[in-house]
Amino acid sequence: MNQRTQKFMALFEGAYGSPAELADILDLGLEMLFYVEEGAFSQRELQRVAGALRDINGVLRGNT
């Protein structure tokens, strides 16, 4: 794990207790994106947010 990843994980461990807890919250956020009201955001905006959440989740779960 590189230094940047270690700093990232340490930042969230203090706020969420563990990377796994934050990953669970991000999973919920991804699920919530499926229920966003039509027209609230563009499809591209939602895809960018979902992609960022997926990438963060991968780091937290050690899938990098």
C-alpha atoms as a PDB file:
ATOM      1  CA  MET A   1       0.000   0.000   0.000  1.00  0.00           C
ATOM      2  CA  ASN A   2       1.488   3.344  -0.994  1.00  0.00           C
ATOM      3  CA  GLN A   3       1.742   6.400   1.260  1.00  0.00           C
ATOM      4  CA  ARG A   4      -1.162   8.181  -0.400  1.00  0.00           C
ATOM      5  CA  THR A   5      -3.467   5.228   0.186  1.00  0.00           C
ATOM      6  CA  GLN A   6      -2.330   4.953   3.799  1.00  0.00           C
ATOM      7  CA  LYS A   7      -3.123   8.635   4.434  1.00  0.00           C
ATOM      8  CA  PHE A   8      -6.495   8.266   2.741  1.00  0.00           C
ATOM      9  CA  MET A   9      -7.429   5.263   4.835  1.00  0.00           C
ATOM     10  CA  ALA A  10      -6.195   6.852   8.075  1.00  0.00           C
ATOM     11  CA  LEU A  11      -8.320   9.931   7.425  1.00  0.00           C
ATOM     12  CA  PHE A  12     -11.490   7.869   7.238  1.00  0.00           C
ATOM     13  CA  GLU A  13     -10.655   5.372   9.974  1.00  0.00           C
ATOM     14  CA  GLY A  14     -10.922   8.191  12.520  1.00  0.00           C
ATOM     15  CA  ALA A  15     -14.342   9.258  11.277  1.00  0.00           C
ATOM     16  CA  TYR A  16     -15.874   5.855  10.493  1.00  0.00           C
ATOM     17  CA  GLY A  17     -14.019   3.416  12.720  1.00  0.00           C
ATOM     18  CA  SER A  18     -12.698   1.196   9.969  1.00  0.00           C
ATOM     19  CA  PRO A  19     -12.361   1.032   6.207  1.00  0.00           C
ATOM     20  CA  ALA A  20     -15.008  -1.717   6.184  1.00  0.00           C
ATOM     21  CA  GLU A  21     -17.576   0.545   7.879  1.00  0.00           C
ATOM     22  CA  LEU A  22     -16.935   3.322   5.374  1.00  0.00           C
ATOM     23  CA  ALA A  23     -17.133   0.819   2.520  1.00  0.00           C
ATOM     24  CA  ASP A  24     -20.556  -0.254   3.816  1.00  0.00           C
ATOM     25  CA  ILE A  25     -21.723   3.369   3.866  1.00  0.00           C
ATOM     26  CA  LEU A  26     -20.433   3.867   0.327  1.00  0.00           C
ATOM     27  CA  ASP A  27     -22.271   0.713  -0.768  1.00  0.00           C
ATOM     28  CA  LEU A  28     -25.460   2.281   0.580  1.00  0.00           C
ATOM     29  CA  GLY A  29     -24.664   5.497  -1.298  1.00  0.00           C
ATOM     30  CA  LEU A  30     -24.262   3.566  -4.525  1.00  0.00           C
ATOM     31  CA  GLU A  31     -27.612   1.895  -3.957  1.00  0.00           C
ATOM     32  CA  MET A  32     -29.244   5.268  -3.281  1.00  0.00           C
ATOM     33  CA  LEU A  33     -28.067   6.558  -6.654  1.00  0.00           C
ATOM     34  CA  PHE A  34     -30.456   4.112  -8.287  1.00  0.00           C
ATOM     35  CA  TYR A  35     -33.392   5.954  -6.687  1.00  0.00           C
ATOM     36  CA  VAL A  36     -32.475   9.530  -7.581  1.00  0.00           C
ATOM     37  CA  GLU A  37     -35.403  11.400  -9.057  1.00  0.00           C
ATOM     38  CA  GLU A  38     -35.305  11.605 -12.839  1.00  0.00           C
ATOM     39  CA  GLY A  39     -33.950  14.899 -14.127  1.00  0.00           C
ATOM     40  CA  ALA A  40     -32.227  15.862 -10.874  1.00  0.00           C
ATOM     41  CA  PHE A  41     -28.782  15.181 -12.362  1.00  0.00           C
ATOM     42  CA  SER A  42     -27.489  14.232 -15.763  1.00  0.00           C
ATOM     43  CA  GLN A  43     -26.674  10.600 -16.403  1.00  0.00           C
ATOM     44  CA  ARG A  44     -23.012  11.552 -16.841  1.00  0.00           C
ATOM     45  CA  GLU A  45     -22.932  13.298 -13.428  1.00  0.00           C
ATOM     46  CA  LEU A  46     -24.384  10.237 -11.739  1.00  0.00           C
ATOM     47  CA  GLN A  47     -21.924   7.950 -13.524  1.00  0.00           C
ATOM     48  CA  ARG A  48     -18.976  10.075 -12.410  1.00  0.00           C
ATOM     49  CA  VAL A  49     -20.136   9.986  -8.782  1.00  0.00           C
ATOM     50  CA  ALA A  50     -20.792   6.245  -8.923  1.00  0.00           C
ATOM     51  CA  GLY A  51     -17.367   5.657 -10.479  1.00  0.00           C
ATOM     52  CA  ALA A  52     -15.632   7.693  -7.786  1.00  0.00           C
ATOM     53  CA  LEU A  53     -17.489   5.831  -5.047  1.00  0.00           C
ATOM     54  CA  ARG A  54     -16.587   2.500  -6.640  1.00  0.00           C
ATOM     55  CA  ASP A  55     -12.911   3.474  -6.790  1.00  0.00           C
ATOM     56  CA  ILE A  56     -12.892   4.616  -3.149  1.00  0.00           C
ATOM     57  CA  ASN A  57     -14.661   1.439  -2.122  1.00  0.00           C
ATOM     58  CA  GLY A  58     -12.037  -0.622  -3.942  1.00  0.00           C
ATOM     59  CA  VAL A  59      -9.245   1.095  -2.014  1.00  0.00           C
ATOM     60  CA  LEU A  60     -11.029   0.554   1.303  1.00  0.00           C
ATOM     61  CA  ARG A  61     -11.557  -3.119   0.572  1.00  0.00           C
ATOM     62  CA  GLY A  62      -7.986  -3.567  -0.615  1.00  0.00           C
ATOM     63  CA  ASN A  63      -8.880  -4.269  -4.242  1.00  0.00           C
ATOM     64  CA  THR A  64      -6.289  -1.912  -5.738  1.00  0.00           C
END
